[in-house]
């Protein structure tokens, strides 16, 4: 499976950054070194779905002002860190990935490197987390007295190709998404992810009470912030954006009773 994903990455322009930093607006990001779990779990790449979600966040089509946000399997955490720089940012952002020293170390480096770019009123944390494990420590990271517990927004960028992990990924999503009609999950996948894997994830999410509505990808790249590094240019950004699918998730009304 890893070989297939690597071939797909090359085909669709999702190549490893080869130690060249990615710059998106004020952010300077690195991917994890190509070794160990970082290589196995593909944390050593910046994949197109992260760029798509970042563009939506930049354009305020994903509205995060004042909200609590958590990202699962964050990689280099582009969507989360871009959200932290907004004029009206989330109140709390928790960035998670597999609890591996290399992966988490790179995330912490990205947060530290961009710490001076974080907007006032926004708190950013990094936490190692394996999907399907107890979510209580993550739920306690912000306003633990709030009810119902959970995050206003959960971000899942390019995780659906791990089809054997759909059950544990969905268990974490269900545990972390606040049981509130305004809570949202933003899910993006590359078109190299088999369509039946995406369909299976959407069906199982609905069975668990989360309705995922697919949104159109609206043509060429429309972000205004400069994006460079990793071979990215305006043409590549448009190509990579259009190699994505994405969904917005919410709780079904009968699960909020």
Protein backbone atom coordinates (compact mmCIF):
# COMPACT_ATOMS: atom_id res chain seq x y z
CA UNK A 1 0.00 0.00 0.00
CA UNK A 2 2.83 2.40 0.83
CA UNK A 3 4.36 1.81 -2.61
CA UNK A 4 1.02 2.52 -4.28
CA UNK A 5 0.62 5.75 -2.33
CA UNK A 6 4.15 6.84 -3.13
CA UNK A 7 3.51 6.25 -6.85
CA UNK A 8 0.22 8.16 -6.60
CA UNK A 9 1.94 11.01 -4.81
CA UNK A 10 4.47 11.37 -7.60
CA UNK A 11 1.74 11.15 -10.26
CA UNK A 12 -0.35 13.91 -8.74
CA UNK A 13 2.46 16.22 -7.74
CA UNK A 14 2.55 15.36 -4.06
CA UNK A 15 6.28 14.76 -3.96
CA UNK A 16 8.37 14.96 -0.84
CA UNK A 17 9.69 18.45 -0.21
CA UNK A 18 13.30 17.18 -0.20
CA UNK A 19 14.21 19.28 2.83
CA UNK A 20 12.99 22.46 1.13
CA UNK A 21 10.66 24.40 3.40
CA UNK A 22 7.11 25.12 2.30
CA UNK A 23 6.10 28.77 2.59
CA UNK A 24 2.43 29.66 2.71
CA UNK A 25 1.85 33.33 3.42
CA UNK A 26 3.69 34.08 6.68
CA UNK A 27 4.26 30.40 7.50
CA UNK A 28 7.47 28.43 7.02
CA UNK A 29 6.83 24.69 7.31
CA UNK A 30 8.91 21.54 7.05
CA UNK A 31 7.77 17.97 6.51
CA UNK A 32 9.08 15.21 8.75
CA UNK A 33 12.30 13.42 7.73
CA UNK A 34 11.79 10.39 5.47
CA UNK A 35 12.40 7.75 8.12
CA UNK A 36 10.58 5.30 10.38
CA UNK A 37 6.92 5.99 11.11
CA UNK A 38 7.11 9.34 9.36
CA UNK A 39 7.80 7.46 6.12
CA UNK A 40 5.27 4.67 6.77
CA UNK A 41 2.49 7.10 7.72
CA UNK A 42 3.43 9.60 4.98
CA UNK A 43 4.18 12.47 7.36
CA UNK A 44 7.19 13.18 5.14
CA UNK A 45 4.98 14.72 2.41
CA UNK A 46 2.74 17.73 1.98
CA UNK A 47 -0.29 16.33 0.19
CA UNK A 48 -2.77 18.24 -1.96
CA UNK A 49 -5.77 17.99 0.43
CA UNK A 50 -3.88 20.10 2.99
CA UNK A 51 -3.40 22.77 0.33
CA UNK A 52 -7.09 22.66 -0.60
CA UNK A 53 -8.20 23.08 3.03
CA UNK A 54 -5.65 25.85 3.58
CA UNK A 55 -7.01 27.73 0.57
CA UNK A 56 -10.57 27.37 1.90
CA UNK A 57 -9.43 28.65 5.31
CA UNK A 58 -7.56 31.58 3.76
CA UNK A 59 -10.68 32.56 1.79
CA UNK A 60 -12.86 32.24 4.92
CA UNK A 61 -14.97 29.56 3.26
CA UNK A 62 -14.14 27.47 6.31
CA UNK A 63 -15.03 29.82 9.14
CA UNK A 64 -13.04 29.26 12.31
CA UNK A 65 -13.20 32.54 14.22
CA UNK A 66 -13.35 31.96 17.98
CA UNK A 67 -13.81 28.20 17.58
CA UNK A 68 -11.98 25.26 19.10
CA UNK A 69 -10.21 23.22 16.42
CA UNK A 70 -8.42 19.88 16.40
CA UNK A 71 -6.60 18.28 13.47
CA UNK A 72 -6.01 14.52 13.29
CA UNK A 73 -3.05 13.06 11.39
CA UNK A 74 -1.80 16.59 10.82
CA UNK A 75 1.49 15.89 9.00
CA UNK A 76 3.09 19.34 8.84
CA UNK A 77 -0.20 20.95 10.03
CA UNK A 78 -0.65 23.49 7.23
CA UNK A 79 -4.44 23.99 7.68
CA UNK A 80 -4.18 24.34 11.47
CA UNK A 81 -1.20 26.66 11.47
CA UNK A 82 -2.67 28.85 8.74
CA UNK A 83 -5.84 29.14 10.84
CA UNK A 84 -3.73 30.37 13.76
CA UNK A 85 -2.57 33.38 11.69
CA UNK A 86 -6.04 34.63 10.74
CA UNK A 87 -7.14 38.12 11.73
CA UNK A 88 -10.00 36.44 13.62
CA UNK A 89 -8.45 33.09 14.59
CA UNK A 90 -9.78 30.07 16.46
CA UNK A 91 -9.52 30.33 20.24
CA UNK A 92 -7.78 26.96 20.54
CA UNK A 93 -6.02 24.76 18.00
CA UNK A 94 -4.82 21.27 18.93
CA UNK A 95 -2.55 19.65 16.36
CA UNK A 96 -2.23 15.87 16.61
CA UNK A 97 -0.47 13.05 14.84
CA UNK A 98 0.81 9.59 15.64
CA UNK A 99 2.87 9.66 18.87
CA UNK A 100 6.22 9.14 17.19
CA UNK A 101 9.26 11.17 18.21
CA UNK A 102 10.16 12.19 14.65
CA UNK A 103 6.60 13.11 13.60
CA UNK A 104 5.76 15.03 16.78
CA UNK A 105 9.20 16.63 16.85
CA UNK A 106 8.64 18.07 13.37
CA UNK A 107 5.20 19.36 14.38
CA UNK A 108 6.64 21.05 17.46
CA UNK A 109 9.37 22.60 15.34
CA UNK A 110 6.76 23.98 12.94
CA UNK A 111 4.75 25.45 15.79
CA UNK A 112 7.83 26.98 17.41
CA UNK A 113 9.18 28.34 14.11
CA UNK A 114 5.88 30.09 13.43
CA UNK A 115 5.02 31.06 16.98
CA UNK A 116 5.40 34.76 16.32
CA UNK A 117 2.80 34.52 13.54
CA UNK A 118 0.03 33.21 15.81
CA UNK A 119 -2.71 35.82 16.21
CA UNK A 120 -3.57 37.20 19.67
CA UNK A 121 -6.25 35.19 21.43
CA UNK A 122 -5.27 31.88 19.78
CA UNK A 123 -3.60 29.05 21.67
CA UNK A 124 -1.82 26.31 19.69
CA UNK A 125 -0.89 22.94 21.20
CA UNK A 126 0.72 19.78 19.81
CA UNK A 127 -0.27 16.36 21.15
CA UNK A 128 0.67 12.83 20.13
CA UNK A 129 -2.46 10.77 19.56
CA UNK A 130 -3.19 7.39 18.00
CA UNK A 131 -6.63 7.09 16.41
CA UNK A 132 -9.13 5.08 18.40
CA UNK A 133 -7.38 5.61 21.71
CA UNK A 134 -8.95 7.37 24.70
CA UNK A 135 -9.85 10.91 23.62
CA UNK A 136 -10.25 12.20 27.18
CA UNK A 137 -6.77 13.80 27.34
CA UNK A 138 -7.54 15.74 24.15
CA UNK A 139 -10.94 16.80 25.44
CA UNK A 140 -9.31 18.17 28.59
CA UNK A 141 -6.94 20.43 26.65
CA UNK A 142 -9.51 23.22 26.37
CA UNK A 143 -12.24 24.51 28.69
CA UNK A 144 -12.75 21.07 30.27
CA UNK A 145 -15.81 22.38 32.12
CA UNK A 146 -17.66 23.12 28.86
CA UNK A 147 -20.65 20.95 27.98
CA UNK A 148 -21.10 19.13 25.76
CA UNK A 149 -17.43 18.25 25.58
CA UNK A 150 -15.71 18.26 22.23
CA UNK A 151 -14.29 20.51 19.56
CA UNK A 152 -16.25 22.87 17.34
CA UNK A 153 -14.18 21.76 14.34
CA UNK A 154 -12.31 18.54 13.51
CA UNK A 155 -9.99 18.53 10.49
CA UNK A 156 -9.11 15.32 8.63
CA UNK A 157 -6.76 15.96 5.72
CA UNK A 158 -5.86 13.08 3.39
CA UNK A 159 -6.53 10.26 5.84
CA UNK A 160 -9.15 8.19 3.99
CA UNK A 161 -6.58 6.13 2.04
CA UNK A 162 -5.84 4.34 5.35
CA UNK A 163 -8.98 2.29 4.79
CA UNK A 164 -8.12 -0.35 7.38
CA UNK A 165 -8.08 2.42 9.97
CA UNK A 166 -11.48 3.90 9.13
CA UNK A 167 -13.07 2.35 12.21
CA UNK A 168 -10.59 3.87 14.68
CA UNK A 169 -10.47 7.18 12.80
CA UNK A 170 -14.25 7.45 12.96
CA UNK A 171 -14.25 6.47 16.63
CA UNK A 172 -11.96 9.42 17.30
CA UNK A 173 -14.05 11.76 15.16
CA UNK A 174 -17.21 10.78 17.02
CA UNK A 175 -15.48 11.24 20.39
CA UNK A 176 -13.96 14.63 19.52
CA UNK A 177 -16.68 16.46 17.56
CA UNK A 178 -18.86 18.46 19.92
CA UNK A 179 -22.50 17.30 19.98
CA UNK A 180 -23.78 20.62 18.74
CA UNK A 181 -25.64 21.58 15.58
CA UNK A 182 -22.94 24.14 14.71
CA UNK A 183 -20.01 21.69 15.05
CA UNK A 184 -18.33 20.73 11.79
CA UNK A 185 -15.85 18.19 10.45
CA UNK A 186 -13.81 19.10 7.37
CA UNK A 187 -12.59 16.06 5.48
CA UNK A 188 -10.42 16.18 2.34
CA UNK A 189 -8.95 13.40 0.22
CA UNK A 190 -6.84 13.14 -2.90
CA UNK A 191 -8.40 11.57 -5.98
CA UNK A 192 -5.66 8.93 -5.73
CA UNK A 193 -7.70 7.59 -2.80
CA UNK A 194 -10.00 4.92 -4.30
CA UNK A 195 -13.57 6.16 -4.62
CA UNK A 196 -14.93 3.10 -2.82
CA UNK A 197 -12.74 3.90 0.21
CA UNK A 198 -14.24 7.38 0.35
CA UNK A 199 -17.78 6.05 -0.11
CA UNK A 200 -17.27 3.50 2.64
CA UNK A 201 -16.03 6.17 5.04
CA UNK A 202 -19.01 8.41 4.27
CA UNK A 203 -21.49 5.55 4.80
CA UNK A 204 -19.95 4.49 8.09
CA UNK A 205 -19.82 8.08 9.34
CA UNK A 206 -23.54 8.42 8.60
CA UNK A 207 -24.25 5.20 10.48
CA UNK A 208 -22.49 6.73 13.46
CA UNK A 209 -24.52 9.92 13.20
CA UNK A 210 -22.23 12.25 11.22
CA UNK A 211 -23.54 13.34 7.82
CA UNK A 212 -20.78 14.16 5.32
CA UNK A 213 -21.84 16.39 2.44
CA UNK A 214 -19.44 16.54 -0.49
CA UNK A 215 -18.58 20.01 -1.76
CA UNK A 216 -17.41 20.99 -5.21
CA UNK A 217 -13.83 22.04 -5.81
CA UNK A 218 -14.32 25.48 -7.32
CA UNK A 219 -11.83 25.57 -10.18
CA UNK A 220 -8.41 27.21 -10.21
CA UNK A 221 -6.38 28.21 -7.17
CA UNK A 222 -7.94 31.34 -5.61
CA UNK A 223 -5.74 31.95 -2.61
CA UNK A 224 -4.04 35.33 -2.48
CA UNK A 225 -1.16 34.54 -0.14
CA UNK A 226 2.15 33.57 -1.79
CA UNK A 227 2.93 29.84 -1.73
CA UNK A 228 6.42 28.56 -2.57
CA UNK A 229 8.75 25.64 -1.92
CA UNK A 230 8.36 21.95 -2.64
CA UNK A 231 8.06 22.67 -6.36
CA UNK A 232 4.88 24.69 -5.87
CA UNK A 233 3.84 27.46 -8.23
CA UNK A 234 0.49 28.86 -9.33
CA UNK A 235 0.02 26.19 -12.00
CA UNK A 236 0.89 23.37 -9.60
CA UNK A 237 -1.43 24.78 -6.92
CA UNK A 238 -4.36 24.73 -9.35
CA UNK A 239 -3.54 21.21 -10.54
CA UNK A 240 -3.19 19.90 -7.01
CA UNK A 241 -6.35 21.61 -5.79
CA UNK A 242 -8.34 19.94 -8.55
CA UNK A 243 -6.94 16.53 -7.64
CA UNK A 244 -8.94 16.68 -4.39
CA UNK A 245 -12.36 15.90 -3.02
CA UNK A 246 -13.76 17.34 0.20
CA UNK A 247 -16.71 17.03 2.55
CA UNK A 248 -18.30 19.02 5.37
CA UNK A 249 -19.63 16.93 8.23
CA UNK A 250 -22.27 17.69 10.86
CA UNK A 251 -24.21 15.73 13.42
CA UNK A 252 -27.51 14.29 12.22
CA UNK A 253 -30.41 16.02 13.98
CA UNK A 254 -31.55 12.82 15.70
CA UNK A 255 -28.15 12.43 17.36
CA UNK A 256 -28.45 15.81 19.08
CA UNK A 257 -31.58 14.92 21.03
